[in-house]
N, C-alpha and C. Protein backbone atom coordinates (compact mmCIF):
# COMPACT_ATOMS: atom_id res chain seq x y z
N MET A 1 1.11 -0.79 -0.03
CA MET A 1 -0.12 -0.15 -0.18
C MET A 1 0.64 1.12 -0.33
N LYS A 2 0.83 1.90 -1.20
CA LYS A 2 1.53 3.18 -1.28
C LYS A 2 -0.08 4.69 -0.50
N ILE A 3 0.59 5.52 0.62
CA ILE A 3 -0.27 6.69 1.12
C ILE A 3 1.40 7.47 0.85
N GLN A 4 0.38 8.22 0.15
CA GLN A 4 1.33 9.95 0.19
C GLN A 4 0.26 10.57 0.74
N ILE A 5 0.68 11.90 1.54
CA ILE A 5 0.63 13.15 2.56
C ILE A 5 0.74 14.37 1.90
N LEU A 6 -0.43 15.01 1.56
CA LEU A 6 -0.38 15.80 0.08
C LEU A 6 -0.88 17.23 1.08
N GLY A 7 1.05 18.64 0.86
CA GLY A 7 0.70 19.46 2.18
C GLY A 7 1.69 19.55 2.08
N PRO A 8 2.21 21.31 1.95
CA PRO A 8 3.39 21.95 1.65
C PRO A 8 4.14 21.90 3.13
N GLY A 9 3.87 21.39 3.54
CA GLY A 9 4.56 21.66 5.46
C GLY A 9 3.99 22.02 6.28
N CYS A 10 2.46 22.37 6.55
CA CYS A 10 2.30 23.23 8.21
C CYS A 10 2.04 22.36 9.02
N ALA A 11 0.92 22.66 9.76
CA ALA A 11 0.76 21.90 11.11
C ALA A 11 0.28 20.48 11.08
N LYS A 12 -0.61 21.20 10.25
CA LYS A 12 -2.56 20.36 9.99
C LYS A 12 -1.74 19.22 9.13
N CYS A 13 -0.68 19.98 8.33
CA CYS A 13 0.12 17.90 7.45
C CYS A 13 0.93 17.60 8.33
N ARG A 14 1.51 17.86 8.94
CA ARG A 14 2.66 16.84 9.90
C ARG A 14 1.63 16.44 11.18
N GLU A 15 0.96 17.10 11.85
CA GLU A 15 -0.28 16.18 12.68
C GLU A 15 -1.01 15.03 11.24
N LEU A 16 -1.17 15.36 10.13
CA LEU A 16 -1.66 14.35 9.12
C LEU A 16 -0.55 13.01 9.20
N GLU A 17 0.54 12.97 8.93
CA GLU A 17 1.03 12.03 8.63
C GLU A 17 1.85 11.43 9.88
N ALA A 18 1.64 12.45 10.99
CA ALA A 18 2.19 11.54 12.66
C ALA A 18 1.22 10.37 12.63
N ARG A 19 -0.60 10.88 12.38
CA ARG A 19 -1.37 9.95 13.17
C ARG A 19 -1.48 9.09 12.12
N THR A 20 -1.40 9.24 10.90
CA THR A 20 -1.59 7.97 10.27
C THR A 20 -0.26 7.54 9.82
N ARG A 21 0.69 7.35 10.63
CA ARG A 21 1.90 6.55 10.82
C ARG A 21 1.26 5.96 12.28
N LYS A 22 1.13 6.79 12.82
CA LYS A 22 0.24 5.46 14.10
C LYS A 22 -0.69 4.93 14.00
N ALA A 23 -2.28 4.57 12.99
CA ALA A 23 -2.80 4.26 12.21
C ALA A 23 -2.10 3.19 11.65
N VAL A 24 -1.16 3.42 10.56
CA VAL A 24 -1.19 1.88 10.17
C VAL A 24 0.68 1.30 10.73
N ALA A 25 0.67 1.35 12.11
CA ALA A 25 1.61 1.05 13.07
C ALA A 25 0.01 -0.54 13.49
N SER A 26 -1.51 0.98 14.08
CA SER A 26 -2.26 -0.04 15.20
C SER A 26 -2.40 -0.64 14.64
N ALA A 27 -3.26 -1.15 13.26
CA ALA A 27 -4.00 -1.34 12.10
C ALA A 27 -2.88 -2.81 11.64
N GLY A 28 -2.06 -2.87 11.79
CA GLY A 28 -0.23 -3.93 11.78
C GLY A 28 -0.73 -4.22 10.58
N LEU A 29 -0.36 -2.86 9.21
CA LEU A 29 -0.99 -2.96 7.92
C LEU A 29 1.35 -2.44 7.63
N THR A 30 1.35 -2.50 6.42
CA THR A 30 2.72 -3.06 5.72
C THR A 30 2.46 -1.30 4.53
N ALA A 31 3.65 -0.05 4.61
CA ALA A 31 2.50 0.54 3.58
C ALA A 31 3.77 1.45 3.57
N ASP A 32 4.03 2.03 1.85
CA ASP A 32 5.10 3.14 1.60
C ASP A 32 4.18 4.18 2.45
N ILE A 33 5.12 5.32 3.05
CA ILE A 33 4.26 6.26 3.43
C ILE A 33 5.31 7.75 2.87
N GLU A 34 4.39 8.70 2.10
CA GLU A 34 5.79 9.39 1.48
C GLU A 34 4.86 10.82 2.00
N LYS A 35 5.69 11.74 1.74
CA LYS A 35 5.03 13.66 1.61
C LYS A 35 5.47 14.06 1.12
N VAL A 36 4.29 14.36 -0.08
CA VAL A 36 4.61 15.17 -1.02
C VAL A 36 3.50 16.37 -0.42
N GLU A 37 5.12 17.36 -0.98
CA GLU A 37 4.99 19.43 -0.80
C GLU A 37 5.38 20.00 -1.95
N ASP A 38 5.39 19.50 -2.81
CA ASP A 38 5.87 20.33 -4.03
C ASP A 38 4.18 20.31 -4.42
N VAL A 39 4.23 22.10 -4.39
CA VAL A 39 2.48 22.25 -5.60
C VAL A 39 2.17 21.83 -6.68
N MET A 40 3.01 21.73 -7.58
CA MET A 40 2.72 21.14 -8.44
C MET A 40 2.71 19.55 -8.67
N GLU A 41 2.78 19.44 -8.07
CA GLU A 41 2.02 17.47 -7.61
C GLU A 41 1.21 17.25 -6.80
N ILE A 42 1.31 17.52 -6.18
CA ILE A 42 0.07 18.40 -5.21
C ILE A 42 -1.50 18.11 -6.48
N VAL A 43 -1.55 19.40 -6.70
CA VAL A 43 -2.16 19.89 -8.03
C VAL A 43 -2.55 18.83 -8.79
N LYS A 44 -1.28 17.10 -8.99
CA LYS A 44 -1.69 16.39 -10.19
C LYS A 44 -3.12 15.27 -9.59
N PHE A 45 -3.12 15.30 -8.71
CA PHE A 45 -4.13 15.16 -7.09
C PHE A 45 -5.65 15.61 -7.43
N LYS A 46 -5.17 17.15 -7.84
CA LYS A 46 -6.90 18.20 -8.52
C LYS A 46 -7.42 18.36 -6.98
N VAL A 47 -6.60 18.04 -5.63
CA VAL A 47 -6.63 18.70 -4.45
C VAL A 47 -6.63 20.15 -4.39
N MET A 48 -7.48 20.74 -3.88
CA MET A 48 -7.99 22.49 -3.51
C MET A 48 -8.36 22.45 -2.44
N MET A 49 -7.70 21.68 -1.11
CA MET A 49 -7.80 21.89 0.22
C MET A 49 -6.59 20.89 0.63
N THR A 50 -5.80 21.47 1.42
CA THR A 50 -4.31 20.87 2.71
C THR A 50 -4.91 20.35 3.96
N PRO A 51 -4.00 19.68 4.18
CA PRO A 51 -3.84 18.25 3.82
C PRO A 51 -3.90 17.28 3.77
N ALA A 52 -3.44 17.08 2.93
CA ALA A 52 -4.63 15.57 2.43
C ALA A 52 -4.01 14.07 2.43
N LEU A 53 -5.10 13.20 1.83
CA LEU A 53 -4.25 11.81 2.38
C LEU A 53 -4.31 10.85 0.59
N ALA A 54 -3.78 11.01 -0.11
CA ALA A 54 -3.79 9.56 -0.81
C ALA A 54 -3.39 8.27 -0.58
N ILE A 55 -4.70 7.04 -0.96
CA ILE A 55 -3.87 5.57 -0.92
C ILE A 55 -4.28 5.37 -2.01
N ASP A 56 -2.50 4.37 -2.34
CA ASP A 56 -2.52 3.86 -3.22
C ASP A 56 -2.72 4.91 -4.91
N GLY A 57 -2.97 6.36 -4.90
CA GLY A 57 -3.41 7.00 -5.52
C GLY A 57 -4.10 7.99 -5.86
N LYS A 58 -5.32 7.66 -4.92
CA LYS A 58 -6.55 7.37 -5.37
C LYS A 58 -6.94 8.44 -4.30
N VAL A 59 -7.44 9.74 -3.14
CA VAL A 59 -7.42 11.20 -2.28
C VAL A 59 -8.68 10.55 -1.91
N LYS A 60 -8.08 10.28 -0.78
CA LYS A 60 -8.95 9.43 0.49
C LYS A 60 -9.92 10.38 1.55
N VAL A 61 -8.75 12.09 1.76
CA VAL A 61 -9.46 12.84 2.94
C VAL A 61 -8.42 14.33 1.85
N ALA A 62 -9.08 15.70 1.97
CA ALA A 62 -9.00 16.06 2.31
C ALA A 62 -9.39 17.32 2.62
N GLY A 63 -8.84 18.71 3.12
CA GLY A 63 -9.30 19.91 3.75
C GLY A 63 -9.44 19.40 5.44
N LYS A 64 -9.11 18.15 6.04
CA LYS A 64 -8.58 18.16 7.38
C LYS A 64 -8.25 17.38 7.61
N VAL A 65 -7.78 16.73 9.47
CA VAL A 65 -7.22 16.26 9.65
C VAL A 65 -7.86 14.96 10.73
N PRO A 66 -8.36 13.86 10.44
CA PRO A 66 -9.13 12.30 10.47
C PRO A 66 -8.16 12.51 11.65
N SER A 67 -9.42 11.63 12.67
CA SER A 67 -8.53 10.75 13.47
C SER A 67 -7.88 9.95 13.66
N GLU A 68 -7.65 9.36 14.40
CA GLU A 68 -6.97 7.61 14.24
C GLU A 68 -7.63 6.69 14.14
N THR A 69 -9.06 6.93 14.84
CA THR A 69 -9.57 5.51 14.50
C THR A 69 -10.54 6.14 13.20
N GLU A 70 -10.92 7.12 12.50
CA GLU A 70 -11.18 6.54 10.83
C GLU A 70 -10.27 7.03 10.13
N LEU A 71 -8.98 6.93 10.70
CA LEU A 71 -7.64 6.88 9.71
C LEU A 71 -7.58 5.50 9.39
N VAL A 72 -7.75 4.31 10.38
CA VAL A 72 -7.47 2.66 10.97
C VAL A 72 -8.68 2.48 9.72
N SER A 73 -9.49 2.93 10.48
CA SER A 73 -10.48 2.62 8.66
C SER A 73 -10.64 2.62 7.34
N LEU A 74 -10.24 3.67 6.89
CA LEU A 74 -10.29 4.05 5.33
C LEU A 74 -8.99 2.69 5.43
N LEU A 75 -7.18 2.65 5.70
CA LEU A 75 -6.74 2.11 5.65
C LEU A 75 -6.63 1.12 5.61
N THR A 76 -7.92 0.31 6.35
CA THR A 76 -7.88 -1.57 6.12
C THR A 76 -9.45 -1.85 5.33
N THR A 77 -9.80 -0.54 5.24
CA THR A 77 -10.98 -1.17 4.32
C THR A 77 -10.12 -0.86 1.97
N ALA A 78 -8.10 0.02 2.46
CA ALA A 78 -8.31 0.11 1.44
C ALA A 78 -7.29 -0.87 1.59
N ALA A 79 -7.05 -1.38 2.27
CA ALA A 79 -6.62 -3.12 2.68
C ALA A 79 -6.89 -3.95 1.62
N ALA A 80 -8.28 -4.20 2.69
CA ALA A 80 -9.29 -5.54 2.46
C ALA A 80 -9.55 -5.39 0.84
N GLY A 81 -9.12 -3.77 -0.40
CA GLY A 81 -9.65 -4.34 -1.46
C GLY A 81 -8.60 -4.49 -2.05
N ASP A 82 -7.46 -4.79 -1.71
CA ASP A 82 -6.45 -4.43 -2.49
C ASP A 82 -6.54 -6.49 -2.12
N ASN A 83 -7.10 -7.07 -1.83
CA ASN A 83 -6.95 -8.70 -1.88
C ASN A 83 -7.84 -8.98 -2.85
């Protein structure tokens, strides 16, 4: 699973990255987590508000920092879809 945190490096972006890492660990998943700060790369995802979270190239959350519980749910759903 490839997870991308999209944002310029603001406090909310860092919080989303930290919560995502915790959610991956608590769900027992294996994932490559990448921080995307380049505005031109973020635009390619058609994201208008950051922070945003993309899983396997698909934006799942934009403009907010979901709770760790919400992130675990998103990640386990995405992982189940890979099977």
